[in-house]
């Protein structure tokens, strides 16, 4: 996970991509991990398809910033 992502940016990006979560988002900066809680297993499966391993990487961050 790229360091410039915070809760606000993560939640906004997920909403823009129509990935719906519950309120649980945990950022572990030490290991570069992001844990996202989903309301149902179906929503988690849809998010798994939409979100690739580099979804919150530096390259993706730059691409998203260039769009605005």
PDB file of N, CA and C in Angstrom:
ATOM      1  N   UNK A   1       0.841  -1.168   0.000  1.00  0.00           N
ATOM      2  CA  UNK A   1       0.000   0.000   0.000  1.00  0.00           C
ATOM      3  C   UNK A   1       0.895   1.242   0.000  1.00  0.00           C
ATOM      4  N   UNK A   2       0.525   2.185  -0.859  1.00  0.00           N
ATOM      5  CA  UNK A   2       1.287   3.417  -0.978  1.00  0.00           C
ATOM      6  C   UNK A   2       1.001   4.321   0.210  1.00  0.00           C
ATOM      7  N   UNK A   3       2.024   5.011   0.693  1.00  0.00           N
ATOM      8  CA  UNK A   3       1.943   5.783   1.934  1.00  0.00           C
ATOM      9  C   UNK A   3       0.984   6.968   1.894  1.00  0.00           C
ATOM     10  N   UNK A   4       0.661   7.496   0.713  1.00  0.00           N
ATOM     11  CA  UNK A   4      -0.199   8.670   0.657  1.00  0.00           C
ATOM     12  C   UNK A   4      -1.685   8.351   0.811  1.00  0.00           C
ATOM     13  N   UNK A   5      -2.029   7.078   0.826  1.00  0.00           N
ATOM     14  CA  UNK A   5      -3.422   6.709   1.049  1.00  0.00           C
ATOM     15  C   UNK A   5      -3.753   6.846   2.523  1.00  0.00           C
ATOM     16  N   UNK A   6      -4.897   7.439   2.803  1.00  0.00           N
ATOM     17  CA  UNK A   6      -5.413   7.500   4.158  1.00  0.00           C
ATOM     18  C   UNK A   6      -6.858   6.993   4.113  1.00  0.00           C
ATOM     19  N   UNK A   7      -7.527   6.984   5.248  1.00  0.00           N
ATOM     20  CA  UNK A   7      -8.877   6.440   5.311  1.00  0.00           C
ATOM     21  C   UNK A   7      -9.821   7.148   4.341  1.00  0.00           C
ATOM     22  N   UNK A   8      -9.715   8.454   4.272  1.00  0.00           N
ATOM     23  CA  UNK A   8     -10.606   9.234   3.416  1.00  0.00           C
ATOM     24  C   UNK A   8     -10.414   8.869   1.946  1.00  0.00           C
ATOM     25  N   UNK A   9      -9.170   8.808   1.505  1.00  0.00           N
ATOM     26  CA  UNK A   9      -8.879   8.489   0.111  1.00  0.00           C
ATOM     27  C   UNK A   9      -9.249   7.053  -0.231  1.00  0.00           C
ATOM     28  N   UNK A  10      -9.021   6.145   0.700  1.00  0.00           N
ATOM     29  CA  UNK A  10      -9.374   4.747   0.475  1.00  0.00           C
ATOM     30  C   UNK A  10     -10.877   4.600   0.346  1.00  0.00           C
ATOM     31  N   UNK A  11     -11.618   5.174   1.279  1.00  0.00           N
ATOM     32  CA  UNK A  11     -13.074   5.071   1.246  1.00  0.00           C
ATOM     33  C   UNK A  11     -13.648   5.714  -0.015  1.00  0.00           C
ATOM     34  N   UNK A  12     -13.105   6.851  -0.428  1.00  0.00           N
ATOM     35  CA  UNK A  12     -13.565   7.537  -1.636  1.00  0.00           C
ATOM     36  C   UNK A  12     -13.302   6.692  -2.866  1.00  0.00           C
ATOM     37  N   UNK A  13     -12.131   6.092  -2.958  1.00  0.00           N
ATOM     38  CA  UNK A  13     -11.797   5.264  -4.115  1.00  0.00           C
ATOM     39  C   UNK A  13     -12.678   4.020  -4.184  1.00  0.00           C
ATOM     40  N   UNK A  14     -12.910   3.401  -3.058  1.00  0.00           N
ATOM     41  CA  UNK A  14     -13.785   2.231  -3.044  1.00  0.00           C
ATOM     42  C   UNK A  14     -15.197   2.599  -3.473  1.00  0.00           C
ATOM     43  N   UNK A  15     -15.703   3.713  -2.984  1.00  0.00           N
ATOM     44  CA  UNK A  15     -17.045   4.157  -3.352  1.00  0.00           C
ATOM     45  C   UNK A  15     -17.125   4.480  -4.846  1.00  0.00           C
ATOM     46  N   UNK A  16     -16.086   5.115  -5.391  1.00  0.00           N
ATOM     47  CA  UNK A  16     -16.064   5.454  -6.813  1.00  0.00           C
ATOM     48  C   UNK A  16     -16.080   4.201  -7.687  1.00  0.00           C
ATOM     49  N   UNK A  17     -15.478   3.130  -7.201  1.00  0.00           N
ATOM     50  CA  UNK A  17     -15.453   1.876  -7.949  1.00  0.00           C
ATOM     51  C   UNK A  17     -16.607   0.950  -7.573  1.00  0.00           C
ATOM     52  N   UNK A  18     -17.559   1.472  -6.816  1.00  0.00           N
ATOM     53  CA  UNK A  18     -18.763   0.746  -6.399  1.00  0.00           C
ATOM     54  C   UNK A  18     -18.428  -0.523  -5.618  1.00  0.00           C
ATOM     55  N   UNK A  19     -17.478  -0.376  -4.712  1.00  0.00           N
ATOM     56  CA  UNK A  19     -17.125  -1.451  -3.786  1.00  0.00           C
ATOM     57  C   UNK A  19     -17.621  -1.003  -2.419  1.00  0.00           C
ATOM     58  N   UNK A  20     -18.603  -1.728  -1.896  1.00  0.00           N
ATOM     59  CA  UNK A  20     -19.247  -1.315  -0.658  1.00  0.00           C
ATOM     60  C   UNK A  20     -18.736  -2.150   0.504  1.00  0.00           C
ATOM     61  N   UNK A  21     -18.346  -1.471   1.570  1.00  0.00           N
ATOM     62  CA  UNK A  21     -17.769  -2.118   2.742  1.00  0.00           C
ATOM     63  C   UNK A  21     -18.565  -1.743   3.982  1.00  0.00           C
ATOM     64  N   UNK A  22     -18.258  -2.434   5.089  1.00  0.00           N
ATOM     65  CA  UNK A  22     -18.768  -1.946   6.359  1.00  0.00           C
ATOM     66  C   UNK A  22     -17.785  -0.880   6.836  1.00  0.00           C
ATOM     67  N   UNK A  23     -17.867  -0.455   8.033  1.00  0.00           N
ATOM     68  CA  UNK A  23     -17.031   0.656   8.501  1.00  0.00           C
ATOM     69  C   UNK A  23     -15.615   0.233   8.877  1.00  0.00           C
ATOM     70  N   UNK A  24     -15.294  -1.054   8.775  1.00  0.00           N
ATOM     71  CA  UNK A  24     -14.004  -1.540   9.234  1.00  0.00           C
ATOM     72  C   UNK A  24     -12.943  -1.454   8.134  1.00  0.00           C
ATOM     73  N   UNK A  25     -12.026  -0.528   8.287  1.00  0.00           N
ATOM     74  CA  UNK A  25     -10.843  -0.419   7.435  1.00  0.00           C
ATOM     75  C   UNK A  25      -9.654  -0.226   8.369  1.00  0.00           C
ATOM     76  N   UNK A  26      -8.696  -1.135   8.273  1.00  0.00           N
ATOM     77  CA  UNK A  26      -7.522  -1.091   9.132  1.00  0.00           C
ATOM     78  C   UNK A  26      -6.289  -0.936   8.258  1.00  0.00           C
ATOM     79  N   UNK A  27      -5.502   0.100   8.538  1.00  0.00           N
ATOM     80  CA  UNK A  27      -4.262   0.340   7.809  1.00  0.00           C
ATOM     81  C   UNK A  27      -3.095  -0.037   8.719  1.00  0.00           C
ATOM     82  N   UNK A  28      -2.246  -0.940   8.249  1.00  0.00           N
ATOM     83  CA  UNK A  28      -1.047  -1.330   8.973  1.00  0.00           C
ATOM     84  C   UNK A  28       0.142  -0.818   8.173  1.00  0.00           C
ATOM     85  N   UNK A  29       0.643   0.339   8.528  1.00  0.00           N
ATOM     86  CA  UNK A  29       1.742   0.984   7.789  1.00  0.00           C
ATOM     87  C   UNK A  29       3.056   0.211   7.931  1.00  0.00           C
ATOM     88  N   UNK A  30       3.247  -0.443   9.056  1.00  0.00           N
ATOM     89  CA  UNK A  30       4.493  -1.186   9.281  1.00  0.00           C
ATOM     90  C   UNK A  30       4.687  -2.270   8.219  1.00  0.00           C
ATOM     91  N   UNK A  31       3.620  -2.987   7.894  1.00  0.00           N
ATOM     92  CA  UNK A  31       3.707  -4.073   6.922  1.00  0.00           C
ATOM     93  C   UNK A  31       3.126  -3.701   5.557  1.00  0.00           C
ATOM     94  N   UNK A  32       2.604  -2.492   5.424  1.00  0.00           N
ATOM     95  CA  UNK A  32       2.019  -2.064   4.156  1.00  0.00           C
ATOM     96  C   UNK A  32       0.754  -2.824   3.821  1.00  0.00           C
ATOM     97  N   UNK A  33      -0.046  -3.113   4.842  1.00  0.00           N
ATOM     98  CA  UNK A  33      -1.257  -3.898   4.655  1.00  0.00           C
ATOM     99  C   UNK A  33      -2.502  -3.045   4.868  1.00  0.00           C
ATOM    100  N   UNK A  34      -3.548  -3.446   4.187  1.00  0.00           N
ATOM    101  CA  UNK A  34      -4.848  -2.814   4.333  1.00  0.00           C
ATOM    102  C   UNK A  34      -5.877  -3.916   4.516  1.00  0.00           C
ATOM    103  N   UNK A  35      -6.618  -3.868   5.604  1.00  0.00           N
ATOM    104  CA  UNK A  35      -7.666  -4.842   5.866  1.00  0.00           C
ATOM    105  C   UNK A  35      -9.013  -4.148   5.747  1.00  0.00           C
ATOM    106  N   UNK A  36      -9.873  -4.707   4.920  1.00  0.00           N
ATOM    107  CA  UNK A  36     -11.185  -4.113   4.668  1.00  0.00           C
ATOM    108  C   UNK A  36     -12.246  -5.120   5.059  1.00  0.00           C
ATOM    109  N   UNK A  37     -13.223  -4.658   5.848  1.00  0.00           N
ATOM    110  CA  UNK A  37     -14.333  -5.514   6.239  1.00  0.00           C
ATOM    111  C   UNK A  37     -15.500  -5.333   5.282  1.00  0.00           C
ATOM    112  N   UNK A  38     -16.161  -6.441   4.945  1.00  0.00           N
ATOM    113  CA  UNK A  38     -17.316  -6.404   4.052  1.00  0.00           C
ATOM    114  C   UNK A  38     -18.546  -6.900   4.790  1.00  0.00           C
ATOM    115  N   UNK A  39     -19.713  -6.410   4.377  1.00  0.00           N
ATOM    116  CA  UNK A  39     -20.965  -6.780   5.032  1.00  0.00           C
ATOM    117  C   UNK A  39     -21.339  -8.225   4.727  1.00  0.00           C
ATOM    118  N   UNK A  40     -21.128  -8.649   3.488  1.00  0.00           N
ATOM    119  CA  UNK A  40     -21.504 -10.007   3.097  1.00  0.00           C
ATOM    120  C   UNK A  40     -20.361 -10.663   2.322  1.00  0.00           C
ATOM    121  N   UNK A  41     -20.440 -11.955   2.214  1.00  0.00           N
ATOM    122  CA  UNK A  41     -19.444 -12.703   1.444  1.00  0.00           C
ATOM    123  C   UNK A  41     -19.560 -12.362  -0.037  1.00  0.00           C
ATOM    124  N   UNK A  42     -20.776 -12.107  -0.513  1.00  0.00           N
ATOM    125  CA  UNK A  42     -20.970 -11.754  -1.920  1.00  0.00           C
ATOM    126  C   UNK A  42     -20.248 -10.446  -2.265  1.00  0.00           C
ATOM    127  N   UNK A  43     -20.355  -9.460  -1.381  1.00  0.00           N
ATOM    128  CA  UNK A  43     -19.661  -8.187  -1.607  1.00  0.00           C
ATOM    129  C   UNK A  43     -18.149  -8.381  -1.585  1.00  0.00           C
ATOM    130  N   UNK A  44     -17.668  -9.255  -0.735  1.00  0.00           N
ATOM    131  CA  UNK A  44     -16.242  -9.542  -0.685  1.00  0.00           C
ATOM    132  C   UNK A  44     -15.783 -10.204  -1.984  1.00  0.00           C
ATOM    133  N   UNK A  45     -16.579 -11.097  -2.529  1.00  0.00           N
ATOM    134  CA  UNK A  45     -16.216 -11.759  -3.781  1.00  0.00           C
ATOM    135  C   UNK A  45     -16.189 -10.778  -4.944  1.00  0.00           C
ATOM    136  N   UNK A  46     -17.160  -9.863  -4.995  1.00  0.00           N
ATOM    137  CA  UNK A  46     -17.175  -8.839  -6.047  1.00  0.00           C
ATOM    138  C   UNK A  46     -15.955  -7.944  -5.920  1.00  0.00           C
ATOM    139  N   UNK A  47     -15.615  -7.550  -4.704  1.00  0.00           N
ATOM    140  CA  UNK A  47     -14.448  -6.693  -4.481  1.00  0.00           C
ATOM    141  C   UNK A  47     -13.160  -7.410  -4.863  1.00  0.00           C
ATOM    142  N   UNK A  48     -13.093  -8.702  -4.621  1.00  0.00           N
ATOM    143  CA  UNK A  48     -11.903  -9.466  -4.978  1.00  0.00           C
ATOM    144  C   UNK A  48     -11.682  -9.451  -6.484  1.00  0.00           C
ATOM    145  N   UNK A  49     -12.749  -9.475  -7.244  1.00  0.00           N
ATOM    146  CA  UNK A  49     -12.643  -9.425  -8.701  1.00  0.00           C
ATOM    147  C   UNK A  49     -12.210  -8.033  -9.156  1.00  0.00           C
ATOM    148  N   UNK A  50     -12.771  -6.989  -8.564  1.00  0.00           N
ATOM    149  CA  UNK A  50     -12.476  -5.612  -8.978  1.00  0.00           C
ATOM    150  C   UNK A  50     -11.110  -5.124  -8.497  1.00  0.00           C
ATOM    151  N   UNK A  51     -10.718  -5.547  -7.312  1.00  0.00           N
ATOM    152  CA  UNK A  51      -9.487  -5.046  -6.701  1.00  0.00           C
ATOM    153  C   UNK A  51      -8.347  -6.012  -6.966  1.00  0.00           C
ATOM    154  N   UNK A  52      -7.363  -5.577  -7.681  1.00  0.00           N
ATOM    155  CA  UNK A  52      -6.167  -6.386  -7.913  1.00  0.00           C
ATOM    156  C   UNK A  52      -5.175  -6.144  -6.782  1.00  0.00           C
ATOM    157  N   UNK A  53      -4.108  -6.887  -6.768  1.00  0.00           N
ATOM    158  CA  UNK A  53      -3.130  -6.804  -5.679  1.00  0.00           C
ATOM    159  C   UNK A  53      -2.499  -5.419  -5.581  1.00  0.00           C
ATOM    160  N   UNK A  54      -2.411  -4.701  -6.699  1.00  0.00           N
ATOM    161  CA  UNK A  54      -1.786  -3.373  -6.695  1.00  0.00           C
ATOM    162  C   UNK A  54      -2.822  -2.249  -6.695  1.00  0.00           C
ATOM    163  N   UNK A  55      -3.997  -2.505  -6.181  1.00  0.00           N
ATOM    164  CA  UNK A  55      -5.097  -1.537  -6.201  1.00  0.00           C
ATOM    165  C   UNK A  55      -4.744  -0.236  -5.486  1.00  0.00           C
ATOM    166  N   UNK A  56      -3.966  -0.308  -4.426  1.00  0.00           N
ATOM    167  CA  UNK A  56      -3.561   0.881  -3.682  1.00  0.00           C
ATOM    168  C   UNK A  56      -2.051   1.102  -3.769  1.00  0.00           C
ATOM    169  N   UNK A  57      -1.469   0.863  -4.928  1.00  0.00           N
ATOM    170  CA  UNK A  57      -0.032   1.042  -5.123  1.00  0.00           C
ATOM    171  C   UNK A  57       0.286   2.471  -5.562  1.00  0.00           C
ATOM    172  N   UNK A  58       1.560   2.789  -5.632  1.00  0.00           N
ATOM    173  CA  UNK A  58       2.000   4.120  -6.048  1.00  0.00           C
ATOM    174  C   UNK A  58       1.596   4.398  -7.495  1.00  0.00           C
ATOM    175  N   UNK A  59       1.712   3.397  -8.370  1.00  0.00           N
ATOM    176  CA  UNK A  59       1.349   3.583  -9.775  1.00  0.00           C
ATOM    177  C   UNK A  59      -0.137   3.893  -9.924  1.00  0.00           C
ATOM    178  N   UNK A  60      -0.960   3.152  -9.190  1.00  0.00           N
ATOM    179  CA  UNK A  60      -2.401   3.385  -9.240  1.00  0.00           C
ATOM    180  C   UNK A  60      -2.744   4.756  -8.660  1.00  0.00           C
ATOM    181  N   UNK A  61      -2.060   5.154  -7.621  1.00  0.00           N
ATOM    182  CA  UNK A  61      -2.284   6.473  -7.025  1.00  0.00           C
ATOM    183  C   UNK A  61      -2.019   7.579  -8.042  1.00  0.00           C
ATOM    184  N   UNK A  62      -0.896   7.455  -8.762  1.00  0.00           N
ATOM    185  CA  UNK A  62      -0.543   8.461  -9.768  1.00  0.00           C
ATOM    186  C   UNK A  62      -1.554   8.488 -10.903  1.00  0.00           C
ATOM    187  N   UNK A  63      -2.024   7.315 -11.338  1.00  0.00           N
ATOM    188  CA  UNK A  63      -3.026   7.264 -12.408  1.00  0.00           C
ATOM    189  C   UNK A  63      -4.319   7.944 -11.966  1.00  0.00           C
ATOM    190  N   UNK A  64      -4.745   7.685 -10.741  1.00  0.00           N
ATOM    191  CA  UNK A  64      -5.992   8.261 -10.235  1.00  0.00           C
ATOM    192  C   UNK A  64      -5.862   9.772 -10.055  1.00  0.00           C
ATOM    193  N   UNK A  65      -4.698  10.240  -9.649  1.00  0.00           N
ATOM    194  CA  UNK A  65      -4.494  11.674  -9.478  1.00  0.00           C
ATOM    195  C   UNK A  65      -4.435  12.390 -10.821  1.00  0.00           C
ATOM    196  N   UNK A  66      -3.935  11.727 -11.844  1.00  0.00           N
ATOM    197  CA  UNK A  66      -3.864  12.321 -13.175  1.00  0.00           C
ATOM    198  C   UNK A  66      -5.232  12.491 -13.804  1.00  0.00           C
ATOM    199  N   UNK A  67      -6.209  11.667 -13.400  1.00  0.00           N
ATOM    200  CA  UNK A  67      -7.563  11.748 -13.951  1.00  0.00           C
ATOM    201  C   UNK A  67      -8.294  13.000 -13.498  1.00  0.00           C
ATOM    202  N   UNK A  68      -7.958  13.490 -12.305  1.00  0.00           N
ATOM    203  CA  UNK A  68      -8.684  14.641 -11.759  1.00  0.00           C
ATOM    204  C   UNK A  68      -8.162  15.945 -12.276  1.00  0.00           C
TER     205      UNK A  68
END
